[in-house]
N, C-alpha and C. Protein backbone atom coordinates (compact mmCIF):
# COMPACT_ATOMS: atom_id res chain seq x y z
N MET A 1 -5.13 102.21 1.82
CA MET A 1 -6.47 102.60 2.28
C MET A 1 -6.81 103.98 1.73
N ARG A 2 -8.01 104.09 1.20
CA ARG A 2 -8.47 105.36 0.63
C ARG A 2 -9.10 106.23 1.71
N ALA A 3 -9.11 107.55 1.48
CA ALA A 3 -9.73 108.47 2.44
C ALA A 3 -11.20 108.18 2.60
N ILE A 4 -11.86 107.80 1.49
CA ILE A 4 -13.29 107.53 1.55
C ILE A 4 -13.59 106.32 2.44
N ASP A 5 -12.65 105.37 2.51
CA ASP A 5 -12.83 104.21 3.38
C ASP A 5 -12.79 104.60 4.85
N ALA A 6 -12.10 105.72 5.13
CA ALA A 6 -12.02 106.21 6.51
C ALA A 6 -13.12 107.22 6.81
N GLY A 7 -14.05 107.40 5.85
CA GLY A 7 -15.15 108.34 6.06
C GLY A 7 -14.75 109.79 5.92
N ILE A 8 -13.77 110.08 5.06
CA ILE A 8 -13.29 111.44 4.87
C ILE A 8 -13.55 111.88 3.43
N LEU A 9 -14.14 113.04 3.27
CA LEU A 9 -14.42 113.62 1.96
C LEU A 9 -13.60 114.90 1.80
N ILE A 10 -13.14 115.16 0.58
CA ILE A 10 -12.36 116.37 0.31
C ILE A 10 -13.20 117.36 -0.48
N CYS A 11 -13.13 118.61 -0.07
CA CYS A 11 -13.86 119.66 -0.78
C CYS A 11 -13.07 120.04 -2.03
N THR A 12 -13.72 120.04 -3.17
CA THR A 12 -13.04 120.37 -4.42
C THR A 12 -12.80 121.87 -4.58
N GLU A 13 -13.43 122.68 -3.71
CA GLU A 13 -13.25 124.14 -3.79
C GLU A 13 -12.06 124.62 -2.97
N CYS A 14 -11.99 124.20 -1.69
CA CYS A 14 -10.93 124.69 -0.81
C CYS A 14 -10.03 123.57 -0.30
N HIS A 15 -10.33 122.30 -0.70
CA HIS A 15 -9.53 121.13 -0.34
C HIS A 15 -9.53 120.82 1.17
N GLU A 16 -10.56 121.27 1.85
CA GLU A 16 -10.72 120.94 3.26
C GLU A 16 -11.16 119.48 3.39
N LEU A 17 -10.62 118.78 4.39
CA LEU A 17 -11.04 117.40 4.66
C LEU A 17 -12.25 117.43 5.59
N ASN A 18 -13.32 116.73 5.18
CA ASN A 18 -14.56 116.72 5.94
C ASN A 18 -14.92 115.30 6.35
N ARG A 19 -15.35 115.15 7.58
CA ARG A 19 -15.82 113.85 8.03
C ARG A 19 -17.19 113.57 7.41
N GLN A 20 -17.31 112.40 6.77
CA GLN A 20 -18.55 112.05 6.07
C GLN A 20 -19.71 111.90 7.03
N ASP A 21 -20.83 112.54 6.67
CA ASP A 21 -22.05 112.47 7.48
C ASP A 21 -23.05 111.58 6.76
N ALA A 22 -23.30 110.40 7.30
CA ALA A 22 -24.20 109.44 6.65
C ALA A 22 -25.66 109.83 6.77
N ASP A 23 -25.96 110.81 7.60
CA ASP A 23 -27.36 111.18 7.86
C ASP A 23 -27.86 112.28 6.92
N THR A 24 -27.03 112.77 6.02
CA THR A 24 -27.45 113.83 5.11
C THR A 24 -27.15 113.44 3.66
N ASP A 25 -28.02 113.85 2.76
CA ASP A 25 -27.84 113.56 1.34
C ASP A 25 -26.93 114.58 0.67
N GLU A 26 -26.98 115.84 1.12
CA GLU A 26 -26.17 116.90 0.54
C GLU A 26 -25.29 117.49 1.64
N GLN A 27 -24.06 117.04 1.69
CA GLN A 27 -23.14 117.51 2.72
C GLN A 27 -22.38 118.72 2.21
N VAL A 28 -22.18 119.69 3.09
CA VAL A 28 -21.46 120.91 2.72
C VAL A 28 -20.13 120.96 3.46
N CYS A 29 -19.19 121.67 2.86
CA CYS A 29 -17.86 121.81 3.46
C CYS A 29 -17.94 122.65 4.73
N THR A 30 -17.23 122.22 5.75
CA THR A 30 -17.24 122.94 7.03
C THR A 30 -16.48 124.26 6.95
N ARG A 31 -15.65 124.42 5.90
CA ARG A 31 -14.88 125.65 5.77
C ARG A 31 -15.54 126.66 4.84
N CYS A 32 -15.86 126.24 3.60
CA CYS A 32 -16.36 127.20 2.61
C CYS A 32 -17.84 127.05 2.29
N GLY A 33 -18.47 125.98 2.75
CA GLY A 33 -19.90 125.80 2.52
C GLY A 33 -20.27 125.20 1.18
N ALA A 34 -19.27 124.81 0.38
CA ALA A 34 -19.57 124.18 -0.92
C ALA A 34 -20.01 122.74 -0.72
N LEU A 35 -20.77 122.24 -1.68
CA LEU A 35 -21.21 120.84 -1.61
C LEU A 35 -20.00 119.92 -1.79
N VAL A 36 -19.94 118.89 -0.98
CA VAL A 36 -18.86 117.91 -1.11
C VAL A 36 -19.47 116.56 -1.49
N HIS A 37 -18.74 115.84 -2.35
CA HIS A 37 -19.21 114.55 -2.84
C HIS A 37 -18.09 113.52 -2.68
N GLU A 38 -18.50 112.27 -2.66
CA GLU A 38 -17.50 111.20 -2.62
C GLU A 38 -16.63 111.24 -3.86
N ARG A 39 -17.27 111.44 -5.00
CA ARG A 39 -16.60 111.59 -6.28
C ARG A 39 -17.35 112.66 -7.08
N ARG A 40 -16.70 113.23 -8.08
CA ARG A 40 -17.35 114.25 -8.90
C ARG A 40 -18.61 113.67 -9.54
N PRO A 41 -19.75 114.33 -9.37
CA PRO A 41 -21.01 113.79 -9.92
C PRO A 41 -20.96 113.66 -11.44
N ASN A 42 -21.39 112.50 -11.95
CA ASN A 42 -21.48 112.25 -13.40
C ASN A 42 -20.16 112.51 -14.12
N SER A 43 -19.05 112.21 -13.47
CA SER A 43 -17.74 112.48 -14.06
C SER A 43 -17.55 111.75 -15.38
N LEU A 44 -17.85 110.45 -15.42
CA LEU A 44 -17.63 109.66 -16.64
C LEU A 44 -18.54 110.11 -17.77
N VAL A 45 -19.80 110.38 -17.45
CA VAL A 45 -20.76 110.80 -18.49
C VAL A 45 -20.34 112.13 -19.11
N ARG A 46 -19.97 113.08 -18.26
CA ARG A 46 -19.56 114.39 -18.76
C ARG A 46 -18.28 114.30 -19.59
N THR A 47 -17.35 113.49 -19.12
CA THR A 47 -16.09 113.35 -19.85
C THR A 47 -16.31 112.70 -21.20
N TRP A 48 -17.14 111.65 -21.25
CA TRP A 48 -17.46 111.00 -22.52
C TRP A 48 -18.13 111.99 -23.48
N ALA A 49 -19.07 112.79 -22.97
CA ALA A 49 -19.78 113.76 -23.83
C ALA A 49 -18.80 114.76 -24.44
N LEU A 50 -17.91 115.30 -23.63
CA LEU A 50 -16.92 116.25 -24.13
C LEU A 50 -15.96 115.59 -25.11
N LEU A 51 -15.56 114.36 -24.79
CA LEU A 51 -14.60 113.65 -25.65
C LEU A 51 -15.20 113.31 -27.01
N ILE A 52 -16.43 112.83 -27.03
CA ILE A 52 -17.09 112.48 -28.30
C ILE A 52 -17.29 113.73 -29.15
N THR A 53 -17.70 114.84 -28.52
CA THR A 53 -17.86 116.09 -29.26
C THR A 53 -16.53 116.54 -29.86
N ALA A 54 -15.46 116.43 -29.07
CA ALA A 54 -14.13 116.81 -29.56
C ALA A 54 -13.69 115.92 -30.72
N ALA A 55 -14.00 114.61 -30.62
CA ALA A 55 -13.62 113.68 -31.70
C ALA A 55 -14.36 114.01 -32.99
N ILE A 56 -15.62 114.42 -32.87
CA ILE A 56 -16.40 114.79 -34.06
C ILE A 56 -15.82 116.05 -34.71
N LEU A 57 -15.48 117.04 -33.89
CA LEU A 57 -14.93 118.29 -34.41
C LEU A 57 -13.50 118.13 -34.91
N TYR A 58 -12.83 117.05 -34.50
CA TYR A 58 -11.45 116.82 -34.92
C TYR A 58 -11.36 116.59 -36.43
N ILE A 59 -12.44 116.07 -37.02
CA ILE A 59 -12.46 115.83 -38.47
C ILE A 59 -12.44 117.14 -39.26
N PRO A 60 -13.42 118.06 -39.03
CA PRO A 60 -13.34 119.34 -39.76
C PRO A 60 -12.11 120.16 -39.39
N ALA A 61 -11.58 119.97 -38.17
CA ALA A 61 -10.39 120.72 -37.77
C ALA A 61 -9.20 120.39 -38.66
N ASN A 62 -9.16 119.15 -39.18
CA ASN A 62 -8.05 118.74 -40.03
C ASN A 62 -8.38 118.78 -41.52
N VAL A 63 -9.66 118.76 -41.84
CA VAL A 63 -10.07 118.76 -43.25
C VAL A 63 -10.26 120.18 -43.77
N LEU A 64 -10.88 121.05 -42.97
CA LEU A 64 -11.14 122.42 -43.40
C LEU A 64 -9.87 123.27 -43.32
N PRO A 65 -9.78 124.30 -44.16
CA PRO A 65 -8.62 125.21 -44.10
C PRO A 65 -8.54 125.90 -42.75
N ILE A 66 -7.34 126.00 -42.21
CA ILE A 66 -7.17 126.64 -40.91
C ILE A 66 -6.83 128.12 -41.06
N MET A 67 -6.15 128.49 -42.20
CA MET A 67 -5.89 129.89 -42.45
C MET A 67 -5.55 130.10 -43.93
N THR A 68 -5.67 131.36 -44.35
CA THR A 68 -5.33 131.74 -45.72
C THR A 68 -4.30 132.86 -45.68
N VAL A 69 -3.15 132.60 -46.27
CA VAL A 69 -2.09 133.61 -46.34
C VAL A 69 -2.10 134.22 -47.74
N THR A 70 -2.32 135.53 -47.81
CA THR A 70 -2.39 136.24 -49.09
C THR A 70 -1.16 137.12 -49.26
N SER A 71 -0.51 136.98 -50.41
CA SER A 71 0.68 137.78 -50.72
C SER A 71 0.55 138.33 -52.13
N LEU A 72 0.60 139.65 -52.25
CA LEU A 72 0.45 140.34 -53.54
C LEU A 72 -0.85 139.94 -54.23
N GLY A 73 -1.91 139.83 -53.45
CA GLY A 73 -3.23 139.54 -53.99
C GLY A 73 -3.48 138.09 -54.28
N GLN A 74 -2.53 137.21 -54.03
CA GLN A 74 -2.71 135.78 -54.29
C GLN A 74 -2.47 134.98 -53.03
N GLY A 75 -3.29 133.95 -52.88
CA GLY A 75 -3.13 133.11 -51.70
C GLY A 75 -4.13 131.97 -51.71
N ASP A 76 -3.75 130.86 -51.17
CA ASP A 76 -4.63 129.69 -51.09
C ASP A 76 -4.81 129.28 -49.63
N PRO A 77 -6.03 128.86 -49.29
CA PRO A 77 -6.25 128.37 -47.93
C PRO A 77 -5.49 127.07 -47.70
N SER A 78 -5.02 126.88 -46.48
CA SER A 78 -4.24 125.68 -46.17
C SER A 78 -4.76 125.02 -44.90
N THR A 79 -4.76 123.69 -44.92
CA THR A 79 -5.11 122.93 -43.73
C THR A 79 -3.87 122.78 -42.86
N ILE A 80 -4.02 122.14 -41.70
CA ILE A 80 -2.87 121.95 -40.82
C ILE A 80 -1.80 121.12 -41.52
N MET A 81 -2.23 120.01 -42.15
CA MET A 81 -1.27 119.10 -42.77
C MET A 81 -0.61 119.74 -43.99
N SER A 82 -1.37 120.48 -44.79
CA SER A 82 -0.77 121.13 -45.96
C SER A 82 0.21 122.21 -45.53
N GLY A 83 -0.07 122.86 -44.39
CA GLY A 83 0.87 123.85 -43.87
C GLY A 83 2.18 123.20 -43.43
N VAL A 84 2.08 122.02 -42.82
CA VAL A 84 3.28 121.28 -42.42
C VAL A 84 4.10 120.90 -43.64
N ILE A 85 3.41 120.43 -44.70
CA ILE A 85 4.10 120.04 -45.93
C ILE A 85 4.80 121.24 -46.57
N GLN A 86 4.14 122.39 -46.57
CA GLN A 86 4.75 123.60 -47.14
C GLN A 86 6.00 124.01 -46.36
N LEU A 87 5.95 123.88 -45.04
CA LEU A 87 7.11 124.20 -44.22
C LEU A 87 8.28 123.27 -44.54
N VAL A 88 7.98 121.99 -44.74
CA VAL A 88 9.02 121.03 -45.09
C VAL A 88 9.62 121.36 -46.45
N GLN A 89 8.76 121.73 -47.41
CA GLN A 89 9.22 122.06 -48.75
C GLN A 89 10.12 123.30 -48.76
N HIS A 90 9.88 124.20 -47.80
CA HIS A 90 10.70 125.41 -47.71
C HIS A 90 11.93 125.20 -46.82
N GLY A 91 12.16 123.96 -46.41
CA GLY A 91 13.34 123.65 -45.62
C GLY A 91 13.24 123.96 -44.14
N MET A 92 12.05 124.34 -43.67
CA MET A 92 11.86 124.67 -42.26
C MET A 92 11.37 123.43 -41.51
N ILE A 93 12.21 122.39 -41.50
CA ILE A 93 11.82 121.11 -40.92
C ILE A 93 11.60 121.19 -39.40
N PRO A 94 12.45 121.88 -38.62
CA PRO A 94 12.19 121.97 -37.17
C PRO A 94 10.84 122.61 -36.85
N ILE A 95 10.50 123.70 -37.57
CA ILE A 95 9.21 124.35 -37.34
C ILE A 95 8.07 123.43 -37.75
N ALA A 96 8.26 122.72 -38.87
CA ALA A 96 7.24 121.77 -39.33
C ALA A 96 7.03 120.67 -38.29
N ALA A 97 8.12 120.22 -37.68
CA ALA A 97 8.02 119.17 -36.66
C ALA A 97 7.25 119.66 -35.45
N VAL A 98 7.52 120.90 -35.04
CA VAL A 98 6.81 121.47 -33.88
C VAL A 98 5.32 121.59 -34.17
N VAL A 99 4.98 122.11 -35.35
CA VAL A 99 3.57 122.26 -35.73
C VAL A 99 2.88 120.90 -35.82
N PHE A 100 3.57 119.92 -36.41
CA PHE A 100 3.00 118.58 -36.56
C PHE A 100 2.73 117.95 -35.19
N ILE A 101 3.70 118.06 -34.29
CA ILE A 101 3.54 117.46 -32.96
C ILE A 101 2.44 118.17 -32.18
N ALA A 102 2.45 119.51 -32.19
CA ALA A 102 1.48 120.28 -31.40
C ALA A 102 0.07 120.20 -31.96
N SER A 103 -0.06 120.09 -33.29
CA SER A 103 -1.38 120.17 -33.92
C SER A 103 -1.96 118.83 -34.33
N ILE A 104 -1.13 117.82 -34.51
CA ILE A 104 -1.61 116.51 -34.95
C ILE A 104 -1.40 115.45 -33.86
N VAL A 105 -0.15 115.32 -33.41
CA VAL A 105 0.19 114.25 -32.46
C VAL A 105 -0.46 114.48 -31.10
N VAL A 106 -0.32 115.69 -30.54
CA VAL A 106 -0.83 115.97 -29.19
C VAL A 106 -2.35 115.82 -29.10
N PRO A 107 -3.15 116.46 -30.00
CA PRO A 107 -4.60 116.26 -29.90
C PRO A 107 -5.02 114.81 -30.07
N THR A 108 -4.35 114.09 -30.98
CA THR A 108 -4.68 112.68 -31.19
C THR A 108 -4.38 111.87 -29.93
N PHE A 109 -3.22 112.13 -29.33
CA PHE A 109 -2.85 111.42 -28.10
C PHE A 109 -3.84 111.70 -26.99
N LYS A 110 -4.29 112.96 -26.88
CA LYS A 110 -5.24 113.31 -25.83
C LYS A 110 -6.57 112.60 -26.02
N LEU A 111 -7.06 112.57 -27.25
CA LEU A 111 -8.33 111.89 -27.53
C LEU A 111 -8.23 110.40 -27.22
N VAL A 112 -7.17 109.76 -27.70
CA VAL A 112 -6.99 108.33 -27.48
C VAL A 112 -6.71 108.04 -26.00
N GLY A 113 -5.87 108.88 -25.38
CA GLY A 113 -5.51 108.65 -23.98
C GLY A 113 -6.69 108.76 -23.04
N ILE A 114 -7.51 109.80 -23.20
CA ILE A 114 -8.68 109.97 -22.33
C ILE A 114 -9.68 108.84 -22.57
N ALA A 115 -9.85 108.45 -23.83
CA ALA A 115 -10.76 107.34 -24.14
C ALA A 115 -10.29 106.05 -23.47
N LEU A 116 -8.98 105.79 -23.49
CA LEU A 116 -8.44 104.59 -22.84
C LEU A 116 -8.65 104.63 -21.33
N LEU A 117 -8.48 105.81 -20.73
CA LEU A 117 -8.71 105.94 -19.30
C LEU A 117 -10.16 105.65 -18.95
N LEU A 118 -11.07 106.24 -19.71
CA LEU A 118 -12.50 106.02 -19.47
C LEU A 118 -12.87 104.56 -19.64
N PHE A 119 -12.37 103.95 -20.72
CA PHE A 119 -12.70 102.55 -21.00
C PHE A 119 -12.14 101.64 -19.91
N SER A 120 -10.90 101.90 -19.48
CA SER A 120 -10.28 101.04 -18.48
C SER A 120 -10.98 101.14 -17.14
N VAL A 121 -11.47 102.35 -16.80
CA VAL A 121 -12.19 102.53 -15.54
C VAL A 121 -13.56 101.85 -15.58
N GLN A 122 -14.27 102.05 -16.68
CA GLN A 122 -15.62 101.50 -16.77
C GLN A 122 -15.62 99.98 -16.93
N ARG A 123 -14.63 99.44 -17.63
CA ARG A 123 -14.59 98.01 -17.89
C ARG A 123 -13.67 97.25 -16.94
N HIS A 124 -13.11 97.97 -15.96
CA HIS A 124 -12.23 97.34 -14.96
C HIS A 124 -11.10 96.55 -15.64
N GLN A 125 -10.45 97.20 -16.60
CA GLN A 125 -9.36 96.55 -17.30
C GLN A 125 -8.16 96.34 -16.38
N PRO A 126 -7.45 95.21 -16.53
CA PRO A 126 -6.31 94.90 -15.66
C PRO A 126 -5.07 95.72 -16.01
N LEU A 127 -5.16 97.04 -15.82
CA LEU A 127 -4.03 97.92 -16.06
C LEU A 127 -3.51 98.47 -14.74
N SER A 128 -2.23 98.80 -14.69
CA SER A 128 -1.64 99.34 -13.48
C SER A 128 -2.23 100.72 -13.19
N ALA A 129 -2.61 100.93 -11.93
CA ALA A 129 -3.16 102.22 -11.53
C ALA A 129 -2.11 103.32 -11.69
N ARG A 130 -0.86 103.00 -11.42
CA ARG A 130 0.20 103.99 -11.55
C ARG A 130 0.39 104.39 -13.02
N GLN A 131 0.27 103.43 -13.93
CA GLN A 131 0.39 103.74 -15.35
C GLN A 131 -0.76 104.65 -15.79
N ARG A 132 -1.95 104.38 -15.29
CA ARG A 132 -3.10 105.21 -15.64
C ARG A 132 -2.94 106.64 -15.13
N ILE A 133 -2.50 106.77 -13.89
CA ILE A 133 -2.38 108.12 -13.31
C ILE A 133 -1.26 108.89 -13.99
N LEU A 134 -0.18 108.22 -14.39
CA LEU A 134 0.88 108.88 -15.14
C LEU A 134 0.37 109.36 -16.50
N MET A 135 -0.45 108.54 -17.15
CA MET A 135 -1.05 108.94 -18.42
C MET A 135 -1.95 110.15 -18.23
N TYR A 136 -2.73 110.15 -17.16
CA TYR A 136 -3.64 111.27 -16.89
C TYR A 136 -2.86 112.56 -16.66
N ARG A 137 -1.79 112.47 -15.85
CA ARG A 137 -0.98 113.66 -15.58
C ARG A 137 -0.30 114.17 -16.84
N PHE A 138 0.14 113.25 -17.70
CA PHE A 138 0.78 113.66 -18.95
C PHE A 138 -0.22 114.34 -19.88
N ILE A 139 -1.44 113.82 -19.92
CA ILE A 139 -2.49 114.43 -20.74
C ILE A 139 -2.78 115.85 -20.26
N GLU A 140 -2.84 116.03 -18.94
CA GLU A 140 -3.06 117.37 -18.39
C GLU A 140 -1.90 118.30 -18.73
N PHE A 141 -0.67 117.77 -18.68
CA PHE A 141 0.52 118.59 -18.92
C PHE A 141 0.60 119.07 -20.37
N ILE A 142 0.35 118.18 -21.32
CA ILE A 142 0.52 118.54 -22.73
C ILE A 142 -0.67 119.31 -23.29
N GLY A 143 -1.75 119.40 -22.52
CA GLY A 143 -2.95 120.06 -23.03
C GLY A 143 -2.73 121.48 -23.48
N ARG A 144 -1.91 122.22 -22.74
CA ARG A 144 -1.68 123.63 -23.06
C ARG A 144 -0.96 123.83 -24.39
N TRP A 145 -0.12 122.84 -24.79
CA TRP A 145 0.66 122.99 -26.02
C TRP A 145 -0.19 122.81 -27.27
N SER A 146 -1.39 122.30 -27.13
CA SER A 146 -2.27 122.14 -28.29
C SER A 146 -2.72 123.48 -28.84
N MET A 147 -2.62 124.53 -28.03
CA MET A 147 -3.07 125.85 -28.47
C MET A 147 -2.02 126.60 -29.28
N LEU A 148 -0.88 125.96 -29.53
CA LEU A 148 0.22 126.64 -30.23
C LEU A 148 -0.23 127.18 -31.58
N ASP A 149 -0.89 126.35 -32.38
CA ASP A 149 -1.35 126.79 -33.70
C ASP A 149 -2.29 127.99 -33.60
N ILE A 150 -3.21 127.94 -32.64
CA ILE A 150 -4.19 129.01 -32.50
C ILE A 150 -3.50 130.31 -32.09
N PHE A 151 -2.52 130.24 -31.21
CA PHE A 151 -1.78 131.44 -30.82
C PHE A 151 -1.04 132.03 -32.01
N VAL A 152 -0.40 131.16 -32.80
CA VAL A 152 0.34 131.64 -33.97
C VAL A 152 -0.60 132.32 -34.96
N ILE A 153 -1.75 131.70 -35.23
CA ILE A 153 -2.71 132.28 -36.17
C ILE A 153 -3.24 133.61 -35.66
N ALA A 154 -3.55 133.69 -34.35
CA ALA A 154 -4.06 134.93 -33.77
C ALA A 154 -3.05 136.06 -33.90
N ILE A 155 -1.78 135.74 -33.66
CA ILE A 155 -0.72 136.75 -33.79
C ILE A 155 -0.56 137.19 -35.24
N LEU A 156 -0.56 136.23 -36.17
CA LEU A 156 -0.40 136.57 -37.59
C LEU A 156 -1.56 137.40 -38.11
N VAL A 157 -2.79 137.05 -37.71
CA VAL A 157 -3.96 137.81 -38.16
C VAL A 157 -3.88 139.26 -37.66
N ALA A 158 -3.40 139.43 -36.43
CA ALA A 158 -3.32 140.78 -35.84
C ALA A 158 -2.17 141.60 -36.42
N VAL A 159 -1.04 140.94 -36.72
CA VAL A 159 0.16 141.66 -37.15
C VAL A 159 0.24 141.82 -38.65
N VAL A 160 -0.04 140.74 -39.39
CA VAL A 160 0.11 140.77 -40.85
C VAL A 160 -1.22 141.21 -41.48
N ASN A 161 -1.36 142.50 -41.68
CA ASN A 161 -2.58 143.03 -42.29
C ASN A 161 -2.20 144.26 -43.12
N PHE A 162 -1.73 143.98 -44.35
CA PHE A 162 -1.28 145.05 -45.24
C PHE A 162 -2.11 145.09 -46.53
N GLY A 163 -3.41 144.81 -46.39
CA GLY A 163 -4.30 144.86 -47.54
C GLY A 163 -3.95 143.80 -48.58
N ARG A 164 -3.88 144.19 -49.85
CA ARG A 164 -3.56 143.26 -50.93
C ARG A 164 -2.08 142.88 -50.95
N LEU A 165 -1.27 143.65 -50.26
CA LEU A 165 0.16 143.35 -50.24
C LEU A 165 0.44 142.06 -49.48
N ALA A 166 -0.10 141.93 -48.29
CA ALA A 166 0.08 140.72 -47.48
C ALA A 166 -0.94 140.72 -46.35
N SER A 167 -1.58 139.59 -46.15
CA SER A 167 -2.55 139.47 -45.06
C SER A 167 -2.74 138.01 -44.70
N VAL A 168 -3.20 137.78 -43.47
CA VAL A 168 -3.47 136.44 -42.99
C VAL A 168 -4.90 136.41 -42.44
N GLU A 169 -5.68 135.43 -42.88
CA GLU A 169 -7.08 135.32 -42.47
C GLU A 169 -7.33 133.94 -41.87
N ALA A 170 -7.94 133.92 -40.69
CA ALA A 170 -8.30 132.66 -40.05
C ALA A 170 -9.54 132.07 -40.73
N ASN A 171 -9.55 130.75 -40.88
CA ASN A 171 -10.68 130.06 -41.52
C ASN A 171 -11.44 129.18 -40.51
N LEU A 172 -12.45 128.48 -41.01
CA LEU A 172 -13.30 127.67 -40.15
C LEU A 172 -12.53 126.55 -39.45
N GLY A 173 -11.48 126.06 -40.10
CA GLY A 173 -10.69 125.00 -39.49
C GLY A 173 -10.08 125.43 -38.16
N ALA A 174 -9.73 126.73 -38.06
CA ALA A 174 -9.15 127.24 -36.82
C ALA A 174 -10.16 127.21 -35.69
N ILE A 175 -11.42 127.53 -36.01
CA ILE A 175 -12.48 127.49 -35.00
C ILE A 175 -12.70 126.06 -34.52
N ALA A 176 -12.75 125.13 -35.47
CA ALA A 176 -12.95 123.72 -35.11
C ALA A 176 -11.79 123.20 -34.28
N PHE A 177 -10.56 123.58 -34.66
CA PHE A 177 -9.39 123.11 -33.94
C PHE A 177 -9.36 123.68 -32.52
N ALA A 178 -9.67 124.96 -32.37
CA ALA A 178 -9.71 125.57 -31.04
C ALA A 178 -10.77 124.90 -30.18
N SER A 179 -11.89 124.54 -30.79
CA SER A 179 -12.95 123.85 -30.05
C SER A 179 -12.48 122.48 -29.57
N VAL A 180 -11.74 121.77 -30.42
CA VAL A 180 -11.20 120.46 -30.03
C VAL A 180 -10.28 120.60 -28.83
N VAL A 181 -9.39 121.59 -28.88
CA VAL A 181 -8.43 121.80 -27.79
C VAL A 181 -9.15 122.11 -26.49
N ILE A 182 -10.12 123.02 -26.55
CA ILE A 182 -10.86 123.42 -25.35
C ILE A 182 -11.65 122.25 -24.79
N LEU A 183 -12.31 121.49 -25.66
CA LEU A 183 -13.13 120.37 -25.20
C LEU A 183 -12.28 119.26 -24.57
N THR A 184 -11.11 118.99 -25.14
CA THR A 184 -10.25 117.96 -24.54
C THR A 184 -9.67 118.42 -23.21
N MET A 185 -9.40 119.71 -23.08
CA MET A 185 -8.94 120.24 -21.80
C MET A 185 -10.03 120.14 -20.75
N LEU A 186 -11.26 120.44 -21.13
CA LEU A 186 -12.39 120.30 -20.21
C LEU A 186 -12.64 118.84 -19.85
N ALA A 187 -12.44 117.95 -20.84
CA ALA A 187 -12.62 116.52 -20.57
C ALA A 187 -11.63 116.03 -19.52
N ALA A 188 -10.39 116.51 -19.60
CA ALA A 188 -9.38 116.13 -18.61
C ALA A 188 -9.73 116.68 -17.23
N VAL A 189 -10.37 117.85 -17.19
CA VAL A 189 -10.75 118.46 -15.92
C VAL A 189 -11.94 117.73 -15.29
N THR A 190 -12.93 117.36 -16.10
CA THR A 190 -14.14 116.72 -15.57
C THR A 190 -13.89 115.28 -15.15
N PHE A 191 -12.85 114.64 -15.70
CA PHE A 191 -12.54 113.27 -15.30
C PHE A 191 -11.99 113.26 -13.87
N ASP A 192 -12.54 112.42 -13.04
CA ASP A 192 -12.10 112.32 -11.64
C ASP A 192 -11.04 111.23 -11.54
N PRO A 193 -9.76 111.59 -11.35
CA PRO A 193 -8.69 110.58 -11.32
C PRO A 193 -8.81 109.60 -10.16
N ARG A 194 -9.59 109.94 -9.14
CA ARG A 194 -9.78 109.02 -8.03
C ARG A 194 -10.51 107.75 -8.45
N LEU A 195 -11.24 107.85 -9.56
CA LEU A 195 -11.94 106.66 -10.08
C LEU A 195 -10.94 105.59 -10.51
N ILE A 196 -9.74 106.00 -10.86
CA ILE A 196 -8.70 105.04 -11.26
C ILE A 196 -8.41 104.10 -10.11
N TRP A 197 -8.27 104.67 -8.91
CA TRP A 197 -7.95 103.85 -7.74
C TRP A 197 -9.16 103.08 -7.25
N ASP A 198 -10.35 103.63 -7.47
CA ASP A 198 -11.57 102.90 -7.08
C ASP A 198 -11.72 101.62 -7.86
N ASN A 199 -11.19 101.60 -9.08
CA ASN A 199 -11.38 100.46 -9.97
C ASN A 199 -10.16 99.55 -10.04
N THR A 200 -9.24 99.70 -9.10
CA THR A 200 -8.06 98.84 -9.09
C THR A 200 -7.82 98.30 -7.69
N GLU A 201 -8.89 97.80 -7.11
CA GLU A 201 -8.80 97.30 -5.74
C GLU A 201 -7.79 96.16 -5.60
N SER A 202 -7.66 95.35 -6.67
CA SER A 202 -6.77 94.19 -6.59
C SER A 202 -5.37 94.48 -7.13
N ASP A 203 -5.17 95.72 -7.56
CA ASP A 203 -3.87 96.08 -8.14
C ASP A 203 -2.83 96.20 -7.03
N ASP A 204 -1.64 95.70 -7.27
CA ASP A 204 -0.58 95.77 -6.26
C ASP A 204 -0.21 97.20 -5.95
N ASP A 205 -0.41 98.12 -6.96
CA ASP A 205 -0.06 99.50 -6.75
C ASP A 205 -1.00 100.19 -5.77
N HIS A 206 -2.13 99.56 -5.52
CA HIS A 206 -3.13 100.19 -4.67
C HIS A 206 -2.78 100.00 -3.20
N ASP A 207 -1.90 99.05 -2.90
CA ASP A 207 -1.56 98.77 -1.51
C ASP A 207 -0.70 99.90 -0.94
C-alpha cells in the first residue's frame, strides 16, 4: 500500500508527512509551509526535456576537441576518444580505462538508463519495479564520476601554464561535456522515482 492511498503526502522540502486535504487545490506543508504535491509536477516532461538536450550536446562533447596540450610551442587539440588512444599508446592503460569509463561509458549509460526509465513508466512496460529503482539509484550514484574529466582539465589549466614552454587550454568540447554531465544530473533529480511504483500496480514487487 502506498502512502498516497492512505491520504498522506510528503513534503519534498522538510520530508514532513501531511494528511491530504481534498478541499484545497494548493496544499502547504504543516511544518515549513512549502507546497506539497502527490507527485513532482511535470516530472516526466522536465526530465525528457533535460535528457533530450543532454543527448544533443553529447555529440559535440565527443566530436569537438576537449583540450589542447602545448609543449615547446607545439600542440594539437584532442577529443575525449583521441586522448584515450594517446594514453594507451603511451602505455598508460589503467588511466586510459578510467578516462574511457568516466567520460564515455558513464554518460552513455546515464542517457540510456534515464530514457529506459521514462519509457517504461510512460508505456507501462512489464519490468520489475525493484529493477527500475535499482537502476535509478545506480544512475544517481555514478553521476558524480562523470565530472572526472572536467576536474582534471580544470586542474591542468590552472597548474600547467608556462607560456610557450608548456600549457593546457580547455576547448569547446569541455563546455559541451560539462553541460551533458550537469543536464543528466538534473534529469535524475527531476525524475520522481515514486512514478515507478505508480506504474507497477500488478507487479509482485509492489505487494
